[in-house]
Amino acid sequence: MSGRTHAGACPERTCVGCRERAAKTDLLRTVAIGDACVPDPRGTLPGRGAYVHPALVCLDQAVRRRAFTRALRAPGALDTKALRQYVEQTTVAAQATVADQATP
């Protein structure tokens, strides 16, 4: 035996908000389109991407530290309203799903 495992490697990315490494599938990819930072949940939009946990805590940290501007190499400040709206919607949807599963 060679000692190799047959488990596939899972790509990891770093959250620009909390700076923790996580599986790429657990993070939300964002891209800069014009002067706005928009979510790219499918990961198919062209351009440079930055990854963040889909949680308001990480999003707020990234905005406060101007991490999106640096990570996406944008010339000026980016508008994050669309990104915040997407994260809020997914958070509410996830909480509703958990609540539905908890009730018998």
N, C-alpha and C. Protein backbone atom coordinates (compact mmCIF):
# COMPACT_ATOMS: atom_id res chain seq x y z
N MET A 1 0.83 -1.18 0.00
CA MET A 1 0.00 0.00 0.00
C MET A 1 0.88 1.25 0.00
N SER A 2 0.44 2.23 -0.72
CA SER A 2 1.21 3.47 -0.84
C SER A 2 0.90 4.45 0.27
N GLY A 3 -0.17 4.27 1.03
CA GLY A 3 -0.51 5.19 2.10
C GLY A 3 -1.34 6.37 1.64
N ARG A 4 -1.67 6.42 0.38
CA ARG A 4 -2.48 7.52 -0.13
C ARG A 4 -3.95 7.29 0.20
N THR A 5 -4.63 8.38 0.47
CA THR A 5 -6.06 8.27 0.71
C THR A 5 -6.80 8.51 -0.58
N HIS A 6 -7.97 7.97 -0.65
CA HIS A 6 -8.76 8.12 -1.87
C HIS A 6 -9.80 9.22 -1.75
N ALA A 7 -9.80 9.93 -0.64
CA ALA A 7 -10.73 11.04 -0.48
C ALA A 7 -10.29 12.22 -1.34
N GLY A 8 -11.25 12.82 -2.01
CA GLY A 8 -10.94 13.97 -2.87
C GLY A 8 -10.62 15.20 -2.05
N ALA A 9 -9.70 15.99 -2.54
CA ALA A 9 -9.34 17.22 -1.86
C ALA A 9 -10.45 18.25 -2.07
N CYS A 10 -10.77 18.98 -1.03
CA CYS A 10 -11.80 20.01 -1.10
C CYS A 10 -11.10 21.36 -1.15
N PRO A 11 -11.36 22.16 -2.19
CA PRO A 11 -10.69 23.46 -2.27
C PRO A 11 -11.10 24.37 -1.11
N GLU A 12 -10.14 25.10 -0.59
CA GLU A 12 -10.38 26.01 0.53
C GLU A 12 -10.13 27.44 0.09
N ARG A 13 -10.87 28.36 0.69
CA ARG A 13 -10.70 29.78 0.46
C ARG A 13 -10.70 30.48 1.81
N THR A 14 -10.24 31.72 1.84
CA THR A 14 -10.21 32.51 3.07
C THR A 14 -11.31 33.56 3.02
N CYS A 15 -12.08 33.65 4.08
CA CYS A 15 -13.14 34.65 4.20
C CYS A 15 -12.48 36.01 4.40
N VAL A 16 -12.87 37.01 3.60
CA VAL A 16 -12.28 38.34 3.74
C VAL A 16 -12.77 39.06 4.97
N GLY A 17 -13.84 38.56 5.60
CA GLY A 17 -14.37 39.19 6.81
C GLY A 17 -13.64 38.73 8.06
N CYS A 18 -13.72 37.43 8.35
CA CYS A 18 -13.13 36.90 9.58
C CYS A 18 -11.73 36.33 9.38
N ARG A 19 -11.29 36.21 8.13
CA ARG A 19 -9.96 35.71 7.78
C ARG A 19 -9.76 34.23 8.14
N GLU A 20 -10.85 33.47 8.28
CA GLU A 20 -10.75 32.04 8.55
C GLU A 20 -10.85 31.27 7.24
N ARG A 21 -10.12 30.16 7.17
CA ARG A 21 -10.18 29.31 6.00
C ARG A 21 -11.37 28.37 6.12
N ALA A 22 -12.06 28.17 5.01
CA ALA A 22 -13.22 27.28 4.99
C ALA A 22 -13.32 26.66 3.60
N ALA A 23 -14.13 25.63 3.50
CA ALA A 23 -14.36 25.00 2.21
C ALA A 23 -14.99 26.01 1.25
N LYS A 24 -14.61 25.92 0.02
CA LYS A 24 -15.12 26.86 -0.99
C LYS A 24 -16.64 26.83 -1.06
N THR A 25 -17.23 25.66 -0.84
CA THR A 25 -18.68 25.53 -0.92
C THR A 25 -19.40 26.21 0.25
N ASP A 26 -18.71 26.46 1.36
CA ASP A 26 -19.30 27.10 2.52
C ASP A 26 -19.26 28.63 2.44
N LEU A 27 -18.53 29.16 1.46
CA LEU A 27 -18.36 30.60 1.34
C LEU A 27 -19.13 31.13 0.14
N LEU A 28 -19.41 32.42 0.16
CA LEU A 28 -20.10 33.10 -0.93
C LEU A 28 -19.09 33.90 -1.74
N ARG A 29 -19.05 33.65 -3.04
CA ARG A 29 -18.14 34.40 -3.92
C ARG A 29 -18.79 35.73 -4.27
N THR A 30 -18.00 36.77 -4.26
CA THR A 30 -18.47 38.10 -4.65
C THR A 30 -17.55 38.64 -5.74
N VAL A 31 -18.11 39.45 -6.61
CA VAL A 31 -17.33 40.08 -7.67
C VAL A 31 -17.72 41.56 -7.76
N ALA A 32 -16.83 42.34 -8.33
CA ALA A 32 -17.10 43.77 -8.53
C ALA A 32 -17.63 43.97 -9.94
N ILE A 33 -18.82 44.55 -10.03
CA ILE A 33 -19.40 44.92 -11.32
C ILE A 33 -19.64 46.42 -11.25
N GLY A 34 -18.85 47.14 -12.01
CA GLY A 34 -18.91 48.60 -11.93
C GLY A 34 -18.38 49.06 -10.58
N ASP A 35 -19.20 49.79 -9.86
CA ASP A 35 -18.78 50.25 -8.53
C ASP A 35 -19.57 49.54 -7.43
N ALA A 36 -20.09 48.35 -7.74
CA ALA A 36 -20.87 47.58 -6.77
C ALA A 36 -20.25 46.20 -6.56
N CYS A 37 -20.36 45.72 -5.35
CA CYS A 37 -19.92 44.38 -4.99
C CYS A 37 -21.16 43.50 -4.97
N VAL A 38 -21.25 42.54 -5.87
CA VAL A 38 -22.46 41.73 -6.01
C VAL A 38 -22.16 40.27 -5.70
N PRO A 39 -23.18 39.53 -5.20
CA PRO A 39 -22.98 38.11 -4.90
C PRO A 39 -22.92 37.29 -6.18
N ASP A 40 -22.15 36.23 -6.14
CA ASP A 40 -22.03 35.29 -7.25
C ASP A 40 -22.17 33.88 -6.69
N PRO A 41 -23.40 33.48 -6.31
CA PRO A 41 -23.56 32.18 -5.65
C PRO A 41 -23.20 30.99 -6.52
N ARG A 42 -23.35 31.11 -7.83
CA ARG A 42 -23.00 30.01 -8.73
C ARG A 42 -21.51 29.99 -9.07
N GLY A 43 -20.83 31.10 -8.83
CA GLY A 43 -19.40 31.16 -9.11
C GLY A 43 -19.05 31.24 -10.58
N THR A 44 -19.94 31.83 -11.38
CA THR A 44 -19.72 31.85 -12.82
C THR A 44 -19.49 33.24 -13.41
N LEU A 45 -19.65 34.29 -12.61
CA LEU A 45 -19.44 35.63 -13.15
C LEU A 45 -17.96 35.86 -13.44
N PRO A 46 -17.67 36.60 -14.50
CA PRO A 46 -16.27 36.82 -14.84
C PRO A 46 -15.61 37.83 -13.89
N GLY A 47 -14.33 37.73 -13.81
CA GLY A 47 -13.56 38.68 -13.01
C GLY A 47 -13.03 38.08 -11.73
N ARG A 48 -12.30 38.92 -11.02
CA ARG A 48 -11.68 38.53 -9.77
C ARG A 48 -12.75 38.35 -8.70
N GLY A 49 -12.61 37.35 -7.88
CA GLY A 49 -13.59 37.08 -6.84
C GLY A 49 -13.01 37.18 -5.45
N ALA A 50 -13.86 37.49 -4.49
CA ALA A 50 -13.50 37.50 -3.08
C ALA A 50 -14.55 36.65 -2.37
N TYR A 51 -14.14 35.93 -1.35
CA TYR A 51 -15.03 35.01 -0.66
C TYR A 51 -15.32 35.50 0.75
N VAL A 52 -16.59 35.31 1.16
CA VAL A 52 -17.02 35.72 2.49
C VAL A 52 -18.06 34.71 2.98
N HIS A 53 -18.07 34.47 4.30
CA HIS A 53 -19.13 33.63 4.86
C HIS A 53 -20.46 34.33 4.64
N PRO A 54 -21.51 33.60 4.30
CA PRO A 54 -22.82 34.25 4.11
C PRO A 54 -23.48 34.56 5.45
N ALA A 55 -22.82 35.37 6.25
CA ALA A 55 -23.32 35.78 7.56
C ALA A 55 -23.08 37.28 7.71
N LEU A 56 -24.01 37.94 8.37
CA LEU A 56 -23.90 39.39 8.52
C LEU A 56 -22.67 39.81 9.32
N VAL A 57 -22.23 38.97 10.26
CA VAL A 57 -21.06 39.30 11.07
C VAL A 57 -19.82 39.43 10.18
N CYS A 58 -19.59 38.46 9.33
CA CYS A 58 -18.43 38.49 8.44
C CYS A 58 -18.56 39.61 7.41
N LEU A 59 -19.76 39.81 6.91
CA LEU A 59 -19.98 40.88 5.94
C LEU A 59 -19.67 42.24 6.55
N ASP A 60 -20.14 42.48 7.79
CA ASP A 60 -19.87 43.75 8.46
C ASP A 60 -18.39 43.96 8.70
N GLN A 61 -17.67 42.89 9.09
CA GLN A 61 -16.23 43.01 9.31
C GLN A 61 -15.52 43.36 8.02
N ALA A 62 -15.91 42.72 6.92
CA ALA A 62 -15.27 42.98 5.64
C ALA A 62 -15.51 44.41 5.17
N VAL A 63 -16.72 44.90 5.37
CA VAL A 63 -17.05 46.28 4.96
C VAL A 63 -16.27 47.26 5.82
N ARG A 64 -16.23 47.01 7.13
CA ARG A 64 -15.54 47.92 8.04
C ARG A 64 -14.04 48.00 7.73
N ARG A 65 -13.44 46.87 7.37
CA ARG A 65 -12.00 46.85 7.07
C ARG A 65 -11.69 47.17 5.61
N ARG A 66 -12.73 47.47 4.82
CA ARG A 66 -12.57 47.73 3.38
C ARG A 66 -11.87 46.57 2.67
N ALA A 67 -12.22 45.37 3.06
CA ALA A 67 -11.57 44.17 2.52
C ALA A 67 -11.99 43.89 1.09
N PHE A 68 -13.24 44.21 0.72
CA PHE A 68 -13.69 43.95 -0.65
C PHE A 68 -12.93 44.82 -1.65
N THR A 69 -12.71 46.06 -1.29
CA THR A 69 -11.97 46.97 -2.18
C THR A 69 -10.57 46.44 -2.43
N ARG A 70 -9.91 45.97 -1.38
CA ARG A 70 -8.55 45.43 -1.53
C ARG A 70 -8.55 44.11 -2.28
N ALA A 71 -9.42 43.19 -1.88
CA ALA A 71 -9.42 41.85 -2.47
C ALA A 71 -9.80 41.86 -3.95
N LEU A 72 -10.72 42.75 -4.31
CA LEU A 72 -11.17 42.81 -5.70
C LEU A 72 -10.37 43.82 -6.52
N ARG A 73 -9.41 44.46 -5.86
CA ARG A 73 -8.54 45.45 -6.51
C ARG A 73 -9.34 46.54 -7.21
N ALA A 74 -10.33 47.05 -6.51
CA ALA A 74 -11.19 48.10 -7.04
C ALA A 74 -10.54 49.47 -6.82
N PRO A 75 -10.71 50.39 -7.76
CA PRO A 75 -10.08 51.71 -7.63
C PRO A 75 -10.71 52.58 -6.55
N GLY A 76 -11.96 52.34 -6.21
CA GLY A 76 -12.64 53.16 -5.20
C GLY A 76 -13.53 52.31 -4.32
N ALA A 77 -14.30 52.95 -3.48
CA ALA A 77 -15.20 52.24 -2.58
C ALA A 77 -16.27 51.50 -3.37
N LEU A 78 -16.68 50.34 -2.86
CA LEU A 78 -17.69 49.53 -3.52
C LEU A 78 -19.01 49.59 -2.74
N ASP A 79 -20.10 49.61 -3.48
CA ASP A 79 -21.43 49.59 -2.87
C ASP A 79 -21.79 48.14 -2.55
N THR A 80 -22.13 47.85 -1.30
CA THR A 80 -22.41 46.48 -0.87
C THR A 80 -23.88 46.25 -0.54
N LYS A 81 -24.78 47.11 -1.02
CA LYS A 81 -26.20 46.96 -0.71
C LYS A 81 -26.77 45.66 -1.26
N ALA A 82 -26.45 45.31 -2.49
CA ALA A 82 -26.97 44.09 -3.10
C ALA A 82 -26.44 42.86 -2.37
N LEU A 83 -25.20 42.91 -1.96
CA LEU A 83 -24.60 41.80 -1.22
C LEU A 83 -25.26 41.64 0.14
N ARG A 84 -25.49 42.74 0.84
CA ARG A 84 -26.15 42.69 2.15
C ARG A 84 -27.57 42.14 2.02
N GLN A 85 -28.29 42.58 1.00
CA GLN A 85 -29.65 42.10 0.79
C GLN A 85 -29.65 40.59 0.53
N TYR A 86 -28.72 40.11 -0.27
CA TYR A 86 -28.64 38.67 -0.56
C TYR A 86 -28.35 37.87 0.70
N VAL A 87 -27.40 38.34 1.52
CA VAL A 87 -27.04 37.63 2.75
C VAL A 87 -28.22 37.62 3.72
N GLU A 88 -28.93 38.73 3.84
CA GLU A 88 -30.09 38.79 4.73
C GLU A 88 -31.18 37.82 4.27
N GLN A 89 -31.42 37.74 2.96
CA GLN A 89 -32.44 36.83 2.43
C GLN A 89 -32.06 35.37 2.67
N THR A 90 -30.80 35.03 2.44
CA THR A 90 -30.39 33.64 2.64
C THR A 90 -30.39 33.27 4.11
N THR A 91 -30.08 34.22 4.99
CA THR A 91 -30.11 33.96 6.42
C THR A 91 -31.54 33.69 6.88
N VAL A 92 -32.48 34.51 6.43
CA VAL A 92 -33.88 34.32 6.79
C VAL A 92 -34.40 32.99 6.25
N ALA A 93 -34.04 32.65 5.01
CA ALA A 93 -34.48 31.40 4.41
C ALA A 93 -33.91 30.20 5.16
N ALA A 94 -32.66 30.28 5.58
CA ALA A 94 -32.03 29.19 6.32
C ALA A 94 -32.68 29.02 7.69
N GLN A 95 -33.01 30.12 8.35
CA GLN A 95 -33.68 30.04 9.65
C GLN A 95 -35.07 29.45 9.51
N ALA A 96 -35.78 29.79 8.45
CA ALA A 96 -37.12 29.25 8.23
C ALA A 96 -37.05 27.74 7.98
N THR A 97 -36.04 27.29 7.25
CA THR A 97 -35.87 25.87 6.98
C THR A 97 -35.59 25.11 8.27
N VAL A 98 -34.75 25.65 9.11
CA VAL A 98 -34.44 25.01 10.39
C VAL A 98 -35.69 24.95 11.26
N ALA A 99 -36.47 26.02 11.28
CA ALA A 99 -37.69 26.07 12.09
C ALA A 99 -38.71 25.04 11.58
N ASP A 100 -38.82 24.87 10.26
CA ASP A 100 -39.74 23.90 9.70
C ASP A 100 -39.33 22.48 10.04
N GLN A 101 -38.05 22.20 10.08
CA GLN A 101 -37.57 20.87 10.39
C GLN A 101 -37.72 20.56 11.88
N ALA A 102 -37.70 21.58 12.73
CA ALA A 102 -37.78 21.38 14.17
C ALA A 102 -39.20 21.06 14.62
N THR A 103 -40.20 21.53 13.89
CA THR A 103 -41.59 21.25 14.28
C THR A 103 -42.01 19.89 13.74
N PRO A 104 -42.58 19.05 14.61
CA PRO A 104 -42.98 17.71 14.15
C PRO A 104 -44.27 17.70 13.38
